[in-house]
PDB file of N, CA and C in Angstrom:
ATOM      1  N   MET A   1      63.222  97.131 116.284  1.00  0.00           N
ATOM      2  CA  MET A   1      64.301  96.536 115.259  1.00  0.00           C
ATOM      3  C   MET A   1      64.412  95.347 115.962  1.00  0.00           C
ATOM      4  N   GLY A   2      64.247  94.046 115.266  1.00  0.00           N
ATOM      5  CA  GLY A   2      64.548  92.842 115.901  1.00  0.00           C
ATOM      6  C   GLY A   2      66.083  92.509 115.606  1.00  0.00           C
ATOM      7  N   LEU A   3      66.520  91.161 116.130  1.00  0.00           N
ATOM      8  CA  LEU A   3      67.777  90.953 115.856  1.00  0.00           C
ATOM      9  C   LEU A   3      67.882  90.344 113.966  1.00  0.00           C
ATOM     10  N   TRP A   4      66.915  89.914 113.406  1.00  0.00           N
ATOM     11  CA  TRP A   4      66.973  89.657 112.227  1.00  0.00           C
ATOM     12  C   TRP A   4      67.467  90.691 111.488  1.00  0.00           C
ATOM     13  N   SER A   5      66.575  91.761 111.607  1.00  0.00           N
ATOM     14  CA  SER A   5      66.960  92.795 110.750  1.00  0.00           C
ATOM     15  C   SER A   5      68.293  93.534 111.063  1.00  0.00           C
ATOM     16  N   PHE A   6      68.846  93.629 112.236  1.00  0.00           N
ATOM     17  CA  PHE A   6      70.081  93.909 112.819  1.00  0.00           C
ATOM     18  C   PHE A   6      71.097  93.177 111.756  1.00  0.00           C
ATOM     19  N   LEU A   7      71.195  91.817 111.553  1.00  0.00           N
ATOM     20  CA  LEU A   7      72.056  91.168 111.184  1.00  0.00           C
ATOM     21  C   LEU A   7      72.005  91.293 109.724  1.00  0.00           C
ATOM     22  N   GLU A   8      70.456  91.570 109.177  1.00  0.00           N
ATOM     23  CA  GLU A   8      70.627  91.840 107.886  1.00  0.00           C
ATOM     24  C   GLU A   8      71.354  93.171 107.226  1.00  0.00           C
ATOM     25  N   GLY A   9      71.279  94.300 108.309  1.00  0.00           N
ATOM     26  CA  GLY A   9      72.101  95.463 108.375  1.00  0.00           C
ATOM     27  C   GLY A   9      73.496  94.921 108.188  1.00  0.00           C
ATOM     28  N   ILE A  10      73.942  94.474 109.059  1.00  0.00           N
ATOM     29  CA  ILE A  10      75.430  93.955 108.801  1.00  0.00           C
ATOM     30  C   ILE A  10      75.571  93.649 107.636  1.00  0.00           C
ATOM     31  N   LEU A  11      75.068  92.394 107.328  1.00  0.00           N
ATOM     32  CA  LEU A  11      75.148  91.957 106.001  1.00  0.00           C
ATOM     33  C   LEU A  11      75.153  92.680 104.912  1.00  0.00           C
ATOM     34  N   LEU A  12      74.140  93.526 104.654  1.00  0.00           N
ATOM     35  CA  LEU A  12      74.438  94.977 103.855  1.00  0.00           C
ATOM     36  C   LEU A  12      75.565  95.651 103.857  1.00  0.00           C
ATOM     37  N   LEU A  13      75.900  95.819 104.929  1.00  0.00           N
ATOM     38  CA  LEU A  13      77.097  96.686 105.222  1.00  0.00           C
ATOM     39  C   LEU A  13      78.407  96.094 104.839  1.00  0.00           C
ATOM     40  N   ALA A  14      78.456  94.714 104.868  1.00  0.00           N
ATOM     41  CA  ALA A  14      79.774  93.980 104.551  1.00  0.00           C
ATOM     42  C   ALA A  14      79.574  93.798 103.014  1.00  0.00           C
ATOM     43  N   ASN A  15      78.340  93.666 102.258  1.00  0.00           N
ATOM     44  CA  ASN A  15      78.350  93.463 101.244  1.00  0.00           C
ATOM     45  C   ASN A  15      78.995  94.618 100.502  1.00  0.00           C
ATOM     46  N   ALA A  16      78.435  95.947 100.745  1.00  0.00           N
ATOM     47  CA  ALA A  16      78.674  97.348 100.259  1.00  0.00           C
ATOM     48  C   ALA A  16      80.462  97.294 100.493  1.00  0.00           C
ATOM     49  N   MET A  17      81.027  96.877 101.568  1.00  0.00           N
ATOM     50  CA  MET A  17      82.170  96.899 101.569  1.00  0.00           C
ATOM     51  C   MET A  17      83.276  96.031 100.836  1.00  0.00           C
ATOM     52  N   ALA A  18      82.409  94.866 100.289  1.00  0.00           N
ATOM     53  CA  ALA A  18      83.319  93.986  99.381  1.00  0.00           C
ATOM     54  C   ALA A  18      83.185  94.403  98.137  1.00  0.00           C
ATOM     55  N   ILE A  19      82.492  95.213  97.674  1.00  0.00           N
ATOM     56  CA  ILE A  19      82.376  95.626  96.356  1.00  0.00           C
ATOM     57  C   ILE A  19      83.227  96.660  96.059  1.00  0.00           C
ATOM     58  N   LEU A  20      83.863  97.206  97.095  1.00  0.00           N
ATOM     59  CA  LEU A  20      84.800  98.539  96.517  1.00  0.00           C
ATOM     60  C   LEU A  20      86.269  98.263  96.130  1.00  0.00           C
ATOM     61  N   ASN A  21      86.261  98.935  95.071  1.00  0.00           N
ATOM     62  CA  ASN A  21      87.449  98.307  94.315  1.00  0.00           C
ATOM     63  C   ASN A  21      88.663  99.607  94.738  1.00  0.00           C
ATOM     64  N   GLU A  22      89.716  98.720  95.005  1.00  0.00           N
ATOM     65  CA  GLU A  22      90.834  99.479  95.755  1.00  0.00           C
ATOM     66  C   GLU A  22      91.569 100.349  94.644  1.00  0.00           C
ATOM     67  N   GLU A  23      91.911 100.183  93.246  1.00  0.00           N
ATOM     68  CA  GLU A  23      92.582 100.991  92.399  1.00  0.00           C
ATOM     69  C   GLU A  23      91.646 102.361  92.075  1.00  0.00           C
ATOM     70  N   ARG A  24      90.372 101.963  91.940  1.00  0.00           N
ATOM     71  CA  ARG A  24      89.410 103.103  91.414  1.00  0.00           C
ATOM     72  C   ARG A  24      88.961 103.899  92.480  1.00  0.00           C
ATOM     73  N   PHE A  25      88.577 103.363  93.775  1.00  0.00           N
ATOM     74  CA  PHE A  25      87.831 104.004  94.342  1.00  0.00           C
ATOM     75  C   PHE A  25      88.723 104.192  95.908  1.00  0.00           C
ATOM     76  N   LEU A  26      89.344 103.135  96.633  1.00  0.00           N
ATOM     77  CA  LEU A  26      90.189 103.562  97.710  1.00  0.00           C
ATOM     78  C   LEU A  26      91.565 104.115  97.724  1.00  0.00           C
ATOM     79  N   ALA A  27      92.364 104.279  96.434  1.00  0.00           N
ATOM     80  CA  ALA A  27      93.754 104.257  96.544  1.00  0.00           C
ATOM     81  C   ALA A  27      93.611 105.944  96.212  1.00  0.00           C
ATOM     82  N   PRO A  28      92.921 106.437  95.620  1.00  0.00           N
ATOM     83  CA  PRO A  28      92.794 108.114  95.314  1.00  0.00           C
ATOM     84  C   PRO A  28      92.608 108.738  96.254  1.00  0.00           C
ATOM     85  N   ARG A  29      91.779 108.123  97.339  1.00  0.00           N
ATOM     86  CA  ARG A  29      91.576 108.492  98.757  1.00  0.00           C
ATOM     87  C   ARG A  29      92.472 108.093  99.955  1.00  0.00           C
ATOM     88  N   GLY A  30      93.235 107.511  99.661  1.00  0.00           N
ATOM     89  CA  GLY A  30      94.321 107.319 100.616  1.00  0.00           C
ATOM     90  C   GLY A  30      93.733 106.164 101.492  1.00  0.00           C
ATOM     91  N   TRP A  31      93.357 105.139 100.929  1.00  0.00           N
ATOM     92  CA  TRP A  31      92.407 104.107 102.024  1.00  0.00           C
ATOM     93  C   TRP A  31      93.228 102.601 101.765  1.00  0.00           C
ATOM     94  N   THR A  32      94.358 102.339 101.236  1.00  0.00           N
ATOM     95  CA  THR A  32      95.084 101.370 101.021  1.00  0.00           C
ATOM     96  C   THR A  32      95.351 100.655 102.458  1.00  0.00           C
ATOM     97  N   LEU A  33      95.414  99.401 101.953  1.00  0.00           N
ATOM     98  CA  LEU A  33      96.172  98.962 103.297  1.00  0.00           C
ATOM     99  C   LEU A  33      97.664  98.953 103.310  1.00  0.00           C
ATOM    100  N   ALA A  34      98.267  99.657 102.609  1.00  0.00           N
ATOM    101  CA  ALA A  34      99.834  99.929 102.807  1.00  0.00           C
ATOM    102  C   ALA A  34      99.685 101.022 103.348  1.00  0.00           C
ATOM    103  N   GLU A  35      98.919 102.204 103.462  1.00  0.00           N
ATOM    104  CA  GLU A  35      98.997 103.363 104.015  1.00  0.00           C
ATOM    105  C   GLU A  35      98.682 103.000 105.626  1.00  0.00           C
ATOM    106  N   ALA A  36      97.835 102.162 105.921  1.00  0.00           N
ATOM    107  CA  ALA A  36      97.576 101.854 107.301  1.00  0.00           C
ATOM    108  C   ALA A  36      98.454 100.626 108.053  1.00  0.00           C
ATOM    109  N   THR A  37      99.553 101.448 107.850  1.00  0.00           N
ATOM    110  CA  THR A  37     100.517 100.200 108.590  1.00  0.00           C
ATOM    111  C   THR A  37     101.278 100.981 109.819  1.00  0.00           C
ATOM    112  N   GLY A  38     101.598 100.280 111.010  1.00  0.00           N
ATOM    113  CA  GLY A  38     102.388 100.829 111.914  1.00  0.00           C
ATOM    114  C   GLY A  38     101.402 101.220 113.095  1.00  0.00           C
ATOM    115  N   PRO A  39     101.710 102.566 113.329  1.00  0.00           N
ATOM    116  CA  PRO A  39     100.995 103.060 114.832  1.00  0.00           C
ATOM    117  C   PRO A  39      99.605 103.794 114.265  1.00  0.00           C
ATOM    118  N   SER A  40      99.510 103.780 112.917  1.00  0.00           N
ATOM    119  CA  SER A  40      97.806 104.249 112.123  1.00  0.00           C
ATOM    120  C   SER A  40      97.168 103.063 111.942  1.00  0.00           C
ATOM    121  N   ARG A  41      97.597 102.044 112.236  1.00  0.00           N
ATOM    122  CA  ARG A  41      96.885 100.424 112.039  1.00  0.00           C
ATOM    123  C   ARG A  41      95.800 100.858 113.467  1.00  0.00           C
ATOM    124  N   SER A  42      96.166 101.292 114.426  1.00  0.00           N
ATOM    125  CA  SER A  42      94.991 101.292 115.422  1.00  0.00           C
ATOM    126  C   SER A  42      94.004 102.394 115.717  1.00  0.00           C
ATOM    127  N   SER A  43      94.082 103.389 114.572  1.00  0.00           N
ATOM    128  CA  SER A  43      93.142 104.617 114.745  1.00  0.00           C
ATOM    129  C   SER A  43      91.951 104.023 113.779  1.00  0.00           C
ATOM    130  N   LEU A  44      91.003 104.959 114.136  1.00  0.00           N
ATOM    131  CA  LEU A  44      89.656 104.780 113.374  1.00  0.00           C
ATOM    132  C   LEU A  44      89.648 104.223 112.056  1.00  0.00           C
ATOM    133  N   LYS A  45      90.770 104.935 111.252  1.00  0.00           N
ATOM    134  CA  LYS A  45      90.932 104.936 109.717  1.00  0.00           C
ATOM    135  C   LYS A  45      91.247 103.464 109.605  1.00  0.00           C
ATOM    136  N   GLY A  46      92.671 103.239 110.434  1.00  0.00           N
ATOM    137  CA  GLY A  46      93.063 101.962 110.105  1.00  0.00           C
ATOM    138  C   GLY A  46      92.015 100.814 110.109  1.00  0.00           C
ATOM    139  N   LYS A  47      91.203 100.750 111.482  1.00  0.00           N
ATOM    140  CA  LYS A  47      90.271  99.802 111.608  1.00  0.00           C
ATOM    141  C   LYS A  47      89.428  99.507 110.203  1.00  0.00           C
ATOM    142  N   ILE A  48      89.004 100.829 109.818  1.00  0.00           N
ATOM    143  CA  ILE A  48      87.810 100.747 108.628  1.00  0.00           C
ATOM    144  C   ILE A  48      88.547 100.342 107.385  1.00  0.00           C
ATOM    145  N   ILE A  49      89.885 100.618 107.618  1.00  0.00           N
ATOM    146  CA  ILE A  49      90.605  99.629 106.133  1.00  0.00           C
ATOM    147  C   ILE A  49      90.649  98.473 106.345  1.00  0.00           C
ATOM    148  N   GLY A  50      91.244  97.847 107.572  1.00  0.00           N
ATOM    149  CA  GLY A  50      91.232  96.484 108.007  1.00  0.00           C
ATOM    150  C   GLY A  50      89.763  95.745 107.891  1.00  0.00           C
ATOM    151  N   PHE A  51      88.714  96.418 108.030  1.00  0.00           N
ATOM    152  CA  PHE A  51      87.458  95.940 107.821  1.00  0.00           C
ATOM    153  C   PHE A  51      86.960  95.813 106.401  1.00  0.00           C
ATOM    154  N   ILE A  52      87.407  96.948 105.558  1.00  0.00           N
ATOM    155  CA  ILE A  52      86.968  96.841 104.176  1.00  0.00           C
ATOM    156  C   ILE A  52      87.893  95.569 103.452  1.00  0.00           C
ATOM    157  N   HIS A  53      88.961  95.460 104.174  1.00  0.00           N
ATOM    158  CA  HIS A  53      89.932  94.475 103.351  1.00  0.00           C
ATOM    159  C   HIS A  53      89.408  93.151 103.906  1.00  0.00           C
ATOM    160  N   ALA A  54      89.019  92.724 105.131  1.00  0.00           N
ATOM    161  CA  ALA A  54      88.488  91.719 105.529  1.00  0.00           C
ATOM    162  C   ALA A  54      87.193  91.341 104.855  1.00  0.00           C
ATOM    163  N   CYS A  55      86.564  92.211 104.624  1.00  0.00           N
ATOM    164  CA  CYS A  55      85.273  92.107 103.717  1.00  0.00           C
ATOM    165  C   CYS A  55      85.812  91.526 102.210  1.00  0.00           C
ATOM    166  N   GLN A  56      86.504  92.091 101.576  1.00  0.00           N
ATOM    167  CA  GLN A  56      86.861  91.697 100.238  1.00  0.00           C
ATOM    168  C   GLN A  56      87.782  90.204 100.282  1.00  0.00           C
ATOM    169  N   PHE A  57      88.689  90.170 101.304  1.00  0.00           N
ATOM    170  CA  PHE A  57      89.290  88.838 101.561  1.00  0.00           C
ATOM    171  C   PHE A  57      88.053  87.565 101.714  1.00  0.00           C
ATOM    172  N   LEU A  58      87.028  87.509 102.347  1.00  0.00           N
ATOM    173  CA  LEU A  58      85.917  86.783 102.993  1.00  0.00           C
ATOM    174  C   LEU A  58      84.735  86.927 102.115  1.00  0.00           C
ATOM    175  N   ARG A  59      84.867  86.910 100.685  1.00  0.00           N
ATOM    176  CA  ARG A  59      83.642  87.198  99.719  1.00  0.00           C
ATOM    177  C   ARG A  59      83.062  85.920  99.737  1.00  0.00           C
ATOM    178  N   LEU A  60      83.901  85.038  99.422  1.00  0.00           N
ATOM    179  CA  LEU A  60      83.284  83.560  99.472  1.00  0.00           C
ATOM    180  C   LEU A  60      81.948  82.942 100.593  1.00  0.00           C
ATOM    181  N   PRO A  61      82.500  83.316 101.868  1.00  0.00           N
ATOM    182  CA  PRO A  61      81.294  83.141 103.071  1.00  0.00           C
ATOM    183  C   PRO A  61      80.376  84.223 102.996  1.00  0.00           C
ATOM    184  N   LEU A  62      80.956  85.386 102.139  1.00  0.00           N
ATOM    185  CA  LEU A  62      79.898  86.304 102.385  1.00  0.00           C
ATOM    186  C   LEU A  62      78.542  85.866 101.577  1.00  0.00           C
ATOM    187  N   ILE A  63      78.845  85.411 100.242  1.00  0.00           N
ATOM    188  CA  ILE A  63      78.081  85.013  99.320  1.00  0.00           C
ATOM    189  C   ILE A  63      77.354  83.644  99.782  1.00  0.00           C
ATOM    190  N   LEU A  64      77.920  82.865 100.621  1.00  0.00           N
ATOM    191  CA  LEU A  64      77.038  81.806 101.295  1.00  0.00           C
ATOM    192  C   LEU A  64      76.014  82.574 102.312  1.00  0.00           C
ATOM    193  N   PHE A  65      76.471  83.539 103.010  1.00  0.00           N
ATOM    194  CA  PHE A  65      75.663  84.209 104.040  1.00  0.00           C
ATOM    195  C   PHE A  65      74.379  84.854 103.119  1.00  0.00           C
ATOM    196  N   ASN A  66      74.734  85.351 101.989  1.00  0.00           N
ATOM    197  CA  ASN A  66      73.317  86.244 101.211  1.00  0.00           C
ATOM    198  C   ASN A  66      72.720  85.121 100.904  1.00  0.00           C
ATOM    199  N   ILE A  67      73.125  83.890 100.372  1.00  0.00           N
ATOM    200  CA  ILE A  67      72.258  82.675  99.960  1.00  0.00           C
ATOM    201  C   ILE A  67      71.443  82.286 100.859  1.00  0.00           C
ATOM    202  N   ILE A  68      72.044  82.028 102.117  1.00  0.00           N
ATOM    203  CA  ILE A  68      71.034  81.563 103.352  1.00  0.00           C
ATOM    204  C   ILE A  68      70.164  82.720 103.443  1.00  0.00           C
ATOM    205  N   THR A  69      70.585  83.947 103.648  1.00  0.00           N
ATOM    206  CA  THR A  69      69.440  85.262 104.120  1.00  0.00           C
ATOM    207  C   THR A  69      68.315  85.058 102.963  1.00  0.00           C
ATOM    208  N   ILE A  70      68.717  84.647 101.587  1.00  0.00           N
ATOM    209  CA  ILE A  70      67.589  84.802 100.628  1.00  0.00           C
ATOM    210  C   ILE A  70      66.847  83.525 101.003  1.00  0.00           C
ATOM    211  N   ILE A  71      67.229  82.412 101.200  1.00  0.00           N
ATOM    212  CA  ILE A  71      66.321  81.492 101.586  1.00  0.00           C
ATOM    213  C   ILE A  71      65.731  81.303 102.701  1.00  0.00           C
ATOM    214  N   VAL A  72      65.866  82.205 103.550  1.00  0.00           N
ATOM    215  CA  VAL A  72      65.145  82.509 104.908  1.00  0.00           C
ATOM    216  C   VAL A  72      64.413  83.370 104.671  1.00  0.00           C
ATOM    217  N   LYS A  73      64.341  84.401 103.811  1.00  0.00           N
ATOM    218  CA  LYS A  73      63.373  85.564 103.259  1.00  0.00           C
ATOM    219  C   LYS A  73      62.394  84.756 102.750  1.00  0.00           C
ATOM    220  N   LEU A  74      62.710  83.846 101.570  1.00  0.00           N
ATOM    221  CA  LEU A  74      61.722  82.995 100.841  1.00  0.00           C
ATOM    222  C   LEU A  74      60.708  82.269 101.764  1.00  0.00           C
ATOM    223  N   PHE A  75      61.299  81.527 102.616  1.00  0.00           N
ATOM    224  CA  PHE A  75      60.443  80.800 103.563  1.00  0.00           C
ATOM    225  C   PHE A  75      59.801  81.346 104.652  1.00  0.00           C
ATOM    226  N   ALA A  76      60.238  82.220 105.063  1.00  0.00           N
ATOM    227  CA  ALA A  76      59.724  82.778 106.476  1.00  0.00           C
ATOM    228  C   ALA A  76      58.816  84.344 106.085  1.00  0.00           C
ATOM    229  N   GLY A  77      59.206  84.913 104.851  1.00  0.00           N
ATOM    230  CA  GLY A  77      58.266  85.663 104.396  1.00  0.00           C
ATOM    231  C   GLY A  77      58.750  87.124 104.643  1.00  0.00           C
TER     232      GLY A  77
END
C-alpha cells in the first residue's frame, strides 16, 4: 500500500462522513454536536462527532480534493 492509496482511503472516509444527515441518521443515535459538549468532548465518541461535523463543514474543499484526485487518476492511470 503506497502513500497515494492511503490518501485515497482518507478521502473516501471523509466523503462518507460528509454525506451523513444529522436529522435522519445521527440524531436518533445520539451523535449530535450538542450532545458532545463539556467533558465528553475529549472522549472517542466526541472526537468522532467532531470529525463528522468538520467533514460536513468543509464540503467545498472536499469537492476540490475529489476533483484533483479524479484528474490525477485520469492522467496517471
